[in-house]
Amino acid sequence: MGIETSVSEDGKTITISVNGRFDFSVHKDFRNSYKDHPANTHYRVNLSSTDYLDSSALGMLLLLKKHADSNVVIEKPNEEVKRVLTIANFDKVFNFE
């Protein structure tokens, strides 16, 4: 459960995996996963193991996008998570894969 971070071999891509609930309880770990990396890094947020997200998760994604100068892709959200992201118009703000 929680946040797992991995860095690509070339150091240019950070993958942040959110396991379980994506809510305020993981805000500190989520922020720590990217705050020490430069803004020009590419970020991938893997939501394949995320079973719930709330408005605080949406805010955390927007803060990451601001930090990353828009270099953020959301990966593999399940149907329920994708529905919430789409209702919030995040499909217009982020690329989904």
PDB file of N, CA and C in Angstrom:
ATOM      1  N   MET A   1       0.831  -1.187   0.000  1.00  0.00           N
ATOM      2  CA  MET A   1       0.000   0.000   0.000  1.00  0.00           C
ATOM      3  C   MET A   1       0.871   1.244   0.000  1.00  0.00           C
ATOM      4  N   GLY A   2       0.333   2.331  -0.544  1.00  0.00           N
ATOM      5  CA  GLY A   2       1.054   3.580  -0.515  1.00  0.00           C
ATOM      6  C   GLY A   2       1.680   3.938  -1.845  1.00  0.00           C
ATOM      7  N   ILE A   3       2.800   4.635  -1.747  1.00  0.00           N
ATOM      8  CA  ILE A   3       3.476   5.189  -2.909  1.00  0.00           C
ATOM      9  C   ILE A   3       4.804   4.477  -3.133  1.00  0.00           C
ATOM     10  N   GLU A   4       5.056   4.067  -4.373  1.00  0.00           N
ATOM     11  CA  GLU A   4       6.341   3.492  -4.760  1.00  0.00           C
ATOM     12  C   GLU A   4       6.880   4.320  -5.918  1.00  0.00           C
ATOM     13  N   THR A   5       8.182   4.593  -5.877  1.00  0.00           N
ATOM     14  CA  THR A   5       8.799   5.417  -6.904  1.00  0.00           C
ATOM     15  C   THR A   5       9.949   4.671  -7.545  1.00  0.00           C
ATOM     16  N   SER A   6      10.042   4.755  -8.867  1.00  0.00           N
ATOM     17  CA  SER A   6      11.191   4.183  -9.568  1.00  0.00           C
ATOM     18  C   SER A   6      11.700   5.206 -10.585  1.00  0.00           C
ATOM     19  N   VAL A   7      13.011   5.130 -10.841  1.00  0.00           N
ATOM     20  CA  VAL A   7      13.667   6.052 -11.752  1.00  0.00           C
ATOM     21  C   VAL A   7      14.202   5.243 -12.925  1.00  0.00           C
ATOM     22  N   SER A   8      13.995   5.745 -14.148  1.00  0.00           N
ATOM     23  CA  SER A   8      14.511   5.054 -15.335  1.00  0.00           C
ATOM     24  C   SER A   8      16.039   5.032 -15.303  1.00  0.00           C
ATOM     25  N   GLU A   9      16.606   4.136 -16.082  1.00  0.00           N
ATOM     26  CA  GLU A   9      18.062   3.999 -16.117  1.00  0.00           C
ATOM     27  C   GLU A   9      18.757   5.294 -16.508  1.00  0.00           C
ATOM     28  N   ASP A  10      18.161   6.067 -17.420  1.00  0.00           N
ATOM     29  CA  ASP A  10      18.785   7.320 -17.837  1.00  0.00           C
ATOM     30  C   ASP A  10      18.464   8.483 -16.893  1.00  0.00           C
ATOM     31  N   GLY A  11      17.630   8.228 -15.865  1.00  0.00           N
ATOM     32  CA  GLY A  11      17.304   9.242 -14.871  1.00  0.00           C
ATOM     33  C   GLY A  11      16.342  10.310 -15.346  1.00  0.00           C
ATOM     34  N   LYS A  12      15.773  10.153 -16.534  1.00  0.00           N
ATOM     35  CA  LYS A  12      14.911  11.191 -17.096  1.00  0.00           C
ATOM     36  C   LYS A  12      13.426  10.966 -16.857  1.00  0.00           C
ATOM     37  N   THR A  13      13.061   9.774 -16.377  1.00  0.00           N
ATOM     38  CA  THR A  13      11.648   9.460 -16.142  1.00  0.00           C
ATOM     39  C   THR A  13      11.470   8.887 -14.746  1.00  0.00           C
ATOM     40  N   ILE A  14      10.534   9.454 -14.021  1.00  0.00           N
ATOM     41  CA  ILE A  14      10.178   8.972 -12.686  1.00  0.00           C
ATOM     42  C   ILE A  14       8.792   8.350 -12.803  1.00  0.00           C
ATOM     43  N   THR A  15       8.645   7.121 -12.335  1.00  0.00           N
ATOM     44  CA  THR A  15       7.333   6.483 -12.281  1.00  0.00           C
ATOM     45  C   THR A  15       6.887   6.434 -10.833  1.00  0.00           C
ATOM     46  N   ILE A  16       5.738   7.012 -10.571  1.00  0.00           N
ATOM     47  CA  ILE A  16       5.147   7.020  -9.235  1.00  0.00           C
ATOM     48  C   ILE A  16       3.939   6.095  -9.278  1.00  0.00           C
ATOM     49  N   SER A  17       4.002   5.014  -8.519  1.00  0.00           N
ATOM     50  CA  SER A  17       2.886   4.061  -8.462  1.00  0.00           C
ATOM     51  C   SER A  17       2.100   4.291  -7.184  1.00  0.00           C
ATOM     52  N   VAL A  18       0.800   4.415  -7.337  1.00  0.00           N
ATOM     53  CA  VAL A  18      -0.091   4.617  -6.194  1.00  0.00           C
ATOM     54  C   VAL A  18      -0.849   3.311  -5.979  1.00  0.00           C
ATOM     55  N   ASN A  19      -0.623   2.707  -4.837  1.00  0.00           N
ATOM     56  CA  ASN A  19      -1.234   1.412  -4.519  1.00  0.00           C
ATOM     57  C   ASN A  19      -2.305   1.584  -3.455  1.00  0.00           C
ATOM     58  N   GLY A  20      -3.520   1.147  -3.764  1.00  0.00           N
ATOM     59  CA  GLY A  20      -4.618   1.261  -2.806  1.00  0.00           C
ATOM     60  C   GLY A  20      -5.306   2.598  -2.937  1.00  0.00           C
ATOM     61  N   ARG A  21      -5.505   3.260  -1.799  1.00  0.00           N
ATOM     62  CA  ARG A  21      -6.231   4.534  -1.767  1.00  0.00           C
ATOM     63  C   ARG A  21      -5.303   5.693  -2.104  1.00  0.00           C
ATOM     64  N   PHE A  22      -5.757   6.560  -3.000  1.00  0.00           N
ATOM     65  CA  PHE A  22      -5.037   7.777  -3.339  1.00  0.00           C
ATOM     66  C   PHE A  22      -5.843   8.916  -2.726  1.00  0.00           C
ATOM     67  N   ASP A  23      -5.472   9.262  -1.504  1.00  0.00           N
ATOM     68  CA  ASP A  23      -6.183  10.301  -0.771  1.00  0.00           C
ATOM     69  C   ASP A  23      -5.187  11.064   0.094  1.00  0.00           C
ATOM     70  N   PHE A  24      -5.688  11.919   0.958  1.00  0.00           N
ATOM     71  CA  PHE A  24      -4.826  12.796   1.745  1.00  0.00           C
ATOM     72  C   PHE A  24      -3.821  12.027   2.608  1.00  0.00           C
ATOM     73  N   SER A  25      -4.124  10.804   2.945  1.00  0.00           N
ATOM     74  CA  SER A  25      -3.209  10.029   3.805  1.00  0.00           C
ATOM     75  C   SER A  25      -1.858   9.772   3.152  1.00  0.00           C
ATOM     76  N   VAL A  26      -1.755   9.889   1.818  1.00  0.00           N
ATOM     77  CA  VAL A  26      -0.481   9.649   1.130  1.00  0.00           C
ATOM     78  C   VAL A  26       0.147  10.935   0.597  1.00  0.00           C
ATOM     79  N   HIS A  27      -0.403  12.101   0.973  1.00  0.00           N
ATOM     80  CA  HIS A  27       0.084  13.355   0.376  1.00  0.00           C
ATOM     81  C   HIS A  27       1.568  13.592   0.612  1.00  0.00           C
ATOM     82  N   LYS A  28       2.046  13.303   1.802  1.00  0.00           N
ATOM     83  CA  LYS A  28       3.456  13.539   2.105  1.00  0.00           C
ATOM     84  C   LYS A  28       4.355  12.612   1.278  1.00  0.00           C
ATOM     85  N   ASP A  29       4.015  11.337   1.226  1.00  0.00           N
ATOM     86  CA  ASP A  29       4.800  10.383   0.438  1.00  0.00           C
ATOM     87  C   ASP A  29       4.744  10.720  -1.051  1.00  0.00           C
ATOM     88  N   PHE A  30       3.571  11.141  -1.534  1.00  0.00           N
ATOM     89  CA  PHE A  30       3.441  11.493  -2.945  1.00  0.00           C
ATOM     90  C   PHE A  30       4.335  12.689  -3.263  1.00  0.00           C
ATOM     91  N   ARG A  31       4.294  13.709  -2.450  1.00  0.00           N
ATOM     92  CA  ARG A  31       5.135  14.899  -2.673  1.00  0.00           C
ATOM     93  C   ARG A  31       6.612  14.540  -2.598  1.00  0.00           C
ATOM     94  N   ASN A  32       6.976  13.731  -1.621  1.00  0.00           N
ATOM     95  CA  ASN A  32       8.380  13.328  -1.481  1.00  0.00           C
ATOM     96  C   ASN A  32       8.877  12.530  -2.680  1.00  0.00           C
ATOM     97  N   SER A  33       7.970  11.898  -3.414  1.00  0.00           N
ATOM     98  CA  SER A  33       8.370  11.072  -4.549  1.00  0.00           C
ATOM     99  C   SER A  33       8.895  11.907  -5.714  1.00  0.00           C
ATOM    100  N   TYR A  34       8.583  13.196  -5.737  1.00  0.00           N
ATOM    101  CA  TYR A  34       9.025  14.024  -6.861  1.00  0.00           C
ATOM    102  C   TYR A  34       9.739  15.314  -6.484  1.00  0.00           C
ATOM    103  N   LYS A  35       9.627  15.778  -5.265  1.00  0.00           N
ATOM    104  CA  LYS A  35      10.088  17.131  -4.933  1.00  0.00           C
ATOM    105  C   LYS A  35      11.582  17.362  -5.122  1.00  0.00           C
ATOM    106  N   ASP A  36      12.393  16.328  -5.030  1.00  0.00           N
ATOM    107  CA  ASP A  36      13.841  16.507  -5.167  1.00  0.00           C
ATOM    108  C   ASP A  36      14.347  16.280  -6.586  1.00  0.00           C
ATOM    109  N   HIS A  37      13.436  16.036  -7.511  1.00  0.00           N
ATOM    110  CA  HIS A  37      13.814  15.815  -8.908  1.00  0.00           C
ATOM    111  C   HIS A  37      13.589  17.106  -9.697  1.00  0.00           C
ATOM    112  N   PRO A  38      14.403  17.347 -10.723  1.00  0.00           N
ATOM    113  CA  PRO A  38      14.240  18.587 -11.494  1.00  0.00           C
ATOM    114  C   PRO A  38      12.919  18.640 -12.254  1.00  0.00           C
ATOM    115  N   ALA A  39      12.484  19.850 -12.520  1.00  0.00           N
ATOM    116  CA  ALA A  39      11.196  20.061 -13.181  1.00  0.00           C
ATOM    117  C   ALA A  39      11.153  19.475 -14.588  1.00  0.00           C
ATOM    118  N   ASN A  40      12.278  19.387 -15.270  1.00  0.00           N
ATOM    119  CA  ASN A  40      12.263  18.887 -16.647  1.00  0.00           C
ATOM    120  C   ASN A  40      12.231  17.367 -16.739  1.00  0.00           C
ATOM    121  N   THR A  41      12.079  16.712 -15.619  1.00  0.00           N
ATOM    122  CA  THR A  41      11.937  15.259 -15.580  1.00  0.00           C
ATOM    123  C   THR A  41      10.550  14.886 -16.111  1.00  0.00           C
ATOM    124  N   HIS A  42      10.450  13.735 -16.762  1.00  0.00           N
ATOM    125  CA  HIS A  42       9.147  13.222 -17.196  1.00  0.00           C
ATOM    126  C   HIS A  42       8.591  12.343 -16.074  1.00  0.00           C
ATOM    127  N   TYR A  43       7.335  12.512 -15.785  1.00  0.00           N
ATOM    128  CA  TYR A  43       6.695  11.757 -14.710  1.00  0.00           C
ATOM    129  C   TYR A  43       5.585  10.885 -15.276  1.00  0.00           C
ATOM    130  N   ARG A  44       5.507   9.680 -14.769  1.00  0.00           N
ATOM    131  CA  ARG A  44       4.439   8.746 -15.103  1.00  0.00           C
ATOM    132  C   ARG A  44       3.792   8.353 -13.775  1.00  0.00           C
ATOM    133  N   VAL A  45       2.501   8.562 -13.664  1.00  0.00           N
ATOM    134  CA  VAL A  45       1.769   8.190 -12.456  1.00  0.00           C
ATOM    135  C   VAL A  45       0.978   6.931 -12.784  1.00  0.00           C
ATOM    136  N   ASN A  46       1.427   5.817 -12.224  1.00  0.00           N
ATOM    137  CA  ASN A  46       0.807   4.523 -12.494  1.00  0.00           C
ATOM    138  C   ASN A  46      -0.331   4.305 -11.491  1.00  0.00           C
ATOM    139  N   LEU A  47      -1.544   4.254 -12.021  1.00  0.00           N
ATOM    140  CA  LEU A  47      -2.724   4.068 -11.174  1.00  0.00           C
ATOM    141  C   LEU A  47      -3.340   2.680 -11.347  1.00  0.00           C
ATOM    142  N   SER A  48      -2.577   1.738 -11.873  1.00  0.00           N
ATOM    143  CA  SER A  48      -3.124   0.400 -12.121  1.00  0.00           C
ATOM    144  C   SER A  48      -3.524  -0.319 -10.838  1.00  0.00           C
ATOM    145  N   SER A  49      -2.910   0.043  -9.706  1.00  0.00           N
ATOM    146  CA  SER A  49      -3.251  -0.589  -8.422  1.00  0.00           C
ATOM    147  C   SER A  49      -3.996   0.362  -7.498  1.00  0.00           C
ATOM    148  N   THR A  50      -4.530   1.437  -8.066  1.00  0.00           N
ATOM    149  CA  THR A  50      -5.288   2.411  -7.281  1.00  0.00           C
ATOM    150  C   THR A  50      -6.761   2.029  -7.327  1.00  0.00           C
ATOM    151  N   ASP A  51      -7.352   1.838  -6.157  1.00  0.00           N
ATOM    152  CA  ASP A  51      -8.757   1.442  -6.141  1.00  0.00           C
ATOM    153  C   ASP A  51      -9.696   2.570  -5.704  1.00  0.00           C
ATOM    154  N   TYR A  52      -9.127   3.734  -5.343  1.00  0.00           N
ATOM    155  CA  TYR A  52      -9.947   4.855  -4.890  1.00  0.00           C
ATOM    156  C   TYR A  52      -9.120   6.124  -4.991  1.00  0.00           C
ATOM    157  N   LEU A  53      -9.739   7.220  -5.421  1.00  0.00           N
ATOM    158  CA  LEU A  53      -9.104   8.522  -5.306  1.00  0.00           C
ATOM    159  C   LEU A  53     -10.154   9.559  -4.994  1.00  0.00           C
ATOM    160  N   ASP A  54      -9.727  10.619  -4.322  1.00  0.00           N
ATOM    161  CA  ASP A  54     -10.661  11.675  -3.942  1.00  0.00           C
ATOM    162  C   ASP A  54     -10.136  13.021  -4.413  1.00  0.00           C
ATOM    163  N   SER A  55     -10.782  14.095  -3.975  1.00  0.00           N
ATOM    164  CA  SER A  55     -10.411  15.428  -4.446  1.00  0.00           C
ATOM    165  C   SER A  55      -8.991  15.811  -4.029  1.00  0.00           C
ATOM    166  N   SER A  56      -8.515  15.318  -2.905  1.00  0.00           N
ATOM    167  CA  SER A  56      -7.133  15.635  -2.518  1.00  0.00           C
ATOM    168  C   SER A  56      -6.148  14.998  -3.498  1.00  0.00           C
ATOM    169  N   ALA A  57      -6.473  13.824  -4.031  1.00  0.00           N
ATOM    170  CA  ALA A  57      -5.623  13.186  -5.040  1.00  0.00           C
ATOM    171  C   ALA A  57      -5.591  14.037  -6.307  1.00  0.00           C
ATOM    172  N   LEU A  58      -6.722  14.599  -6.682  1.00  0.00           N
ATOM    173  CA  LEU A  58      -6.769  15.466  -7.853  1.00  0.00           C
ATOM    174  C   LEU A  58      -5.857  16.673  -7.640  1.00  0.00           C
ATOM    175  N   GLY A  59      -5.901  17.231  -6.446  1.00  0.00           N
ATOM    176  CA  GLY A  59      -5.028  18.358  -6.120  1.00  0.00           C
ATOM    177  C   GLY A  59      -3.555  17.973  -6.167  1.00  0.00           C
ATOM    178  N   MET A  60      -3.235  16.780  -5.672  1.00  0.00           N
ATOM    179  CA  MET A  60      -1.844  16.321  -5.704  1.00  0.00           C
ATOM    180  C   MET A  60      -1.350  16.153  -7.135  1.00  0.00           C
ATOM    181  N   LEU A  61      -2.214  15.645  -8.011  1.00  0.00           N
ATOM    182  CA  LEU A  61      -1.840  15.502  -9.420  1.00  0.00           C
ATOM    183  C   LEU A  61      -1.588  16.863 -10.056  1.00  0.00           C
ATOM    184  N   LEU A  62      -2.408  17.851  -9.724  1.00  0.00           N
ATOM    185  CA  LEU A  62      -2.205  19.193 -10.269  1.00  0.00           C
ATOM    186  C   LEU A  62      -0.909  19.813  -9.756  1.00  0.00           C
ATOM    187  N   LEU A  63      -0.576  19.583  -8.492  1.00  0.00           N
ATOM    188  CA  LEU A  63       0.694  20.094  -7.954  1.00  0.00           C
ATOM    189  C   LEU A  63       1.885  19.434  -8.637  1.00  0.00           C
ATOM    190  N   LEU A  64       1.783  18.134  -8.905  1.00  0.00           N
ATOM    191  CA  LEU A  64       2.844  17.453  -9.639  1.00  0.00           C
ATOM    192  C   LEU A  64       2.969  18.049 -11.035  1.00  0.00           C
ATOM    193  N   LYS A  65       1.857  18.283 -11.700  1.00  0.00           N
ATOM    194  CA  LYS A  65       1.877  18.858 -13.052  1.00  0.00           C
ATOM    195  C   LYS A  65       2.551  20.225 -13.035  1.00  0.00           C
ATOM    196  N   LYS A  66       2.253  21.021 -12.027  1.00  0.00           N
ATOM    197  CA  LYS A  66       2.878  22.339 -11.903  1.00  0.00           C
ATOM    198  C   LYS A  66       4.384  22.199 -11.709  1.00  0.00           C
ATOM    199  N   HIS A  67       4.800  21.292 -10.849  1.00  0.00           N
ATOM    200  CA  HIS A  67       6.229  21.046 -10.600  1.00  0.00           C
ATOM    201  C   HIS A  67       6.922  20.563 -11.860  1.00  0.00           C
ATOM    202  N   ALA A  68       6.258  19.726 -12.608  1.00  0.00           N
ATOM    203  CA  ALA A  68       6.873  19.041 -13.756  1.00  0.00           C
ATOM    204  C   ALA A  68       6.736  19.810 -15.063  1.00  0.00           C
ATOM    205  N   ASP A  69       6.260  21.026 -15.029  1.00  0.00           N
ATOM    206  CA  ASP A  69       6.055  21.780 -16.266  1.00  0.00           C
ATOM    207  C   ASP A  69       5.251  20.964 -17.278  1.00  0.00           C
ATOM    208  N   SER A  70       4.232  20.285 -16.808  1.00  0.00           N
ATOM    209  CA  SER A  70       3.284  19.527 -17.642  1.00  0.00           C
ATOM    210  C   SER A  70       3.790  18.194 -18.161  1.00  0.00           C
ATOM    211  N   ASN A  71       4.963  17.742 -17.767  1.00  0.00           N
ATOM    212  CA  ASN A  71       5.508  16.469 -18.246  1.00  0.00           C
ATOM    213  C   ASN A  71       4.986  15.298 -17.417  1.00  0.00           C
ATOM    214  N   VAL A  72       3.664  15.114 -17.400  1.00  0.00           N
ATOM    215  CA  VAL A  72       3.041  14.077 -16.581  1.00  0.00           C
ATOM    216  C   VAL A  72       2.082  13.247 -17.434  1.00  0.00           C
ATOM    217  N   VAL A  73       2.203  11.929 -17.319  1.00  0.00           N
ATOM    218  CA  VAL A  73       1.294  10.993 -17.975  1.00  0.00           C
ATOM    219  C   VAL A  73       0.655  10.145 -16.884  1.00  0.00           C
ATOM    220  N   ILE A  74      -0.641   9.921 -16.985  1.00  0.00           N
ATOM    221  CA  ILE A  74      -1.336   9.031 -16.059  1.00  0.00           C
ATOM    222  C   ILE A  74      -1.488   7.685 -16.754  1.00  0.00           C
ATOM    223  N   GLU A  75      -0.975   6.654 -16.101  1.00  0.00           N
ATOM    224  CA  GLU A  75      -0.964   5.304 -16.677  1.00  0.00           C
ATOM    225  C   GLU A  75      -2.002   4.392 -16.038  1.00  0.00           C
ATOM    226  N   LYS A  76      -2.657   3.626 -16.854  1.00  0.00           N
ATOM    227  CA  LYS A  76      -3.453   2.457 -16.487  1.00  0.00           C
ATOM    228  C   LYS A  76      -4.485   2.652 -15.374  1.00  0.00           C
ATOM    229  N   PRO A  77      -5.243   3.754 -15.384  1.00  0.00           N
ATOM    230  CA  PRO A  77      -6.287   3.836 -14.358  1.00  0.00           C
ATOM    231  C   PRO A  77      -7.382   2.811 -14.645  1.00  0.00           C
ATOM    232  N   ASN A  78      -7.936   2.216 -13.586  1.00  0.00           N
ATOM    233  CA  ASN A  78      -9.055   1.307 -13.810  1.00  0.00           C
ATOM    234  C   ASN A  78     -10.283   2.137 -14.212  1.00  0.00           C
ATOM    235  N   GLU A  79     -11.359   1.473 -14.566  1.00  0.00           N
ATOM    236  CA  GLU A  79     -12.530   2.184 -15.082  1.00  0.00           C
ATOM    237  C   GLU A  79     -13.113   3.182 -14.085  1.00  0.00           C
ATOM    238  N   GLU A  80     -13.197   2.809 -12.814  1.00  0.00           N
ATOM    239  CA  GLU A  80     -13.770   3.708 -11.808  1.00  0.00           C
ATOM    240  C   GLU A  80     -12.890   4.936 -11.603  1.00  0.00           C
ATOM    241  N   VAL A  81     -11.592   4.724 -11.489  1.00  0.00           N
ATOM    242  CA  VAL A  81     -10.654   5.837 -11.310  1.00  0.00           C
ATOM    243  C   VAL A  81     -10.674   6.732 -12.551  1.00  0.00           C
ATOM    244  N   LYS A  82     -10.687   6.131 -13.722  1.00  0.00           N
ATOM    245  CA  LYS A  82     -10.726   6.908 -14.966  1.00  0.00           C
ATOM    246  C   LYS A  82     -12.018   7.722 -15.051  1.00  0.00           C
ATOM    247  N   ARG A  83     -13.117   7.160 -14.580  1.00  0.00           N
ATOM    248  CA  ARG A  83     -14.399   7.873 -14.585  1.00  0.00           C
ATOM    249  C   ARG A  83     -14.314   9.131 -13.733  1.00  0.00           C
ATOM    250  N   VAL A  84     -13.719   9.014 -12.531  1.00  0.00           N
ATOM    251  CA  VAL A  84     -13.566  10.173 -11.647  1.00  0.00           C
ATOM    252  C   VAL A  84     -12.673  11.225 -12.308  1.00  0.00           C
ATOM    253  N   LEU A  85     -11.571  10.779 -12.906  1.00  0.00           N
ATOM    254  CA  LEU A  85     -10.661  11.709 -13.574  1.00  0.00           C
ATOM    255  C   LEU A  85     -11.350  12.414 -14.746  1.00  0.00           C
ATOM    256  N   THR A  86     -12.184  11.694 -15.464  1.00  0.00           N
ATOM    257  CA  THR A  86     -12.890  12.268 -16.607  1.00  0.00           C
ATOM    258  C   THR A  86     -13.957  13.259 -16.147  1.00  0.00           C
ATOM    259  N   ILE A  87     -14.679  12.925 -15.091  1.00  0.00           N
ATOM    260  CA  ILE A  87     -15.684  13.848 -14.542  1.00  0.00           C
ATOM    261  C   ILE A  87     -15.023  15.160 -14.130  1.00  0.00           C
ATOM    262  N   ALA A  88     -13.795  15.072 -13.607  1.00  0.00           N
ATOM    263  CA  ALA A  88     -13.048  16.259 -13.183  1.00  0.00           C
ATOM    264  C   ALA A  88     -12.327  16.941 -14.354  1.00  0.00           C
ATOM    265  N   ASN A  89     -12.570  16.448 -15.577  1.00  0.00           N
ATOM    266  CA  ASN A  89     -11.957  16.978 -16.800  1.00  0.00           C
ATOM    267  C   ASN A  89     -10.435  16.810 -16.839  1.00  0.00           C
ATOM    268  N   PHE A  90      -9.911  15.860 -16.093  1.00  0.00           N
ATOM    269  CA  PHE A  90      -8.472  15.616 -16.115  1.00  0.00           C
ATOM    270  C   PHE A  90      -8.022  14.988 -17.427  1.00  0.00           C
ATOM    271  N   ASP A  91      -8.964  14.437 -18.181  1.00  0.00           N
ATOM    272  CA  ASP A  91      -8.611  13.898 -19.501  1.00  0.00           C
ATOM    273  C   ASP A  91      -8.257  15.020 -20.471  1.00  0.00           C
ATOM    274  N   LYS A  92      -8.615  16.274 -20.107  1.00  0.00           N
ATOM    275  CA  LYS A  92      -8.254  17.430 -20.930  1.00  0.00           C
ATOM    276  C   LYS A  92      -6.942  18.061 -20.450  1.00  0.00           C
ATOM    277  N   VAL A  93      -6.504  17.690 -19.268  1.00  0.00           N
ATOM    278  CA  VAL A  93      -5.315  18.288 -18.655  1.00  0.00           C
ATOM    279  C   VAL A  93      -4.111  17.358 -18.707  1.00  0.00           C
ATOM    280  N   PHE A  94      -4.366  16.050 -18.638  1.00  0.00           N
ATOM    281  CA  PHE A  94      -3.310  15.051 -18.613  1.00  0.00           C
ATOM    282  C   PHE A  94      -3.459  14.095 -19.798  1.00  0.00           C
ATOM    283  N   ASN A  95      -2.355  13.501 -20.188  1.00  0.00           N
ATOM    284  CA  ASN A  95      -2.396  12.399 -21.145  1.00  0.00           C
ATOM    285  C   ASN A  95      -2.596  11.111 -20.374  1.00  0.00           C
ATOM    286  N   PHE A  96      -3.448  10.228 -20.890  1.00  0.00           N
ATOM    287  CA  PHE A  96      -3.696   8.935 -20.277  1.00  0.00           C
ATOM    288  C   PHE A  96      -3.115   7.853 -21.173  1.00  0.00           C
ATOM    289  N   GLU A  97      -2.536   6.859 -20.573  1.00  0.00           N
ATOM    290  CA  GLU A  97      -2.030   5.703 -21.319  1.00  0.00           C
ATOM    291  C   GLU A  97      -2.460   4.433 -20.625  1.00  0.00           C
TER     292      GLU A  97
END
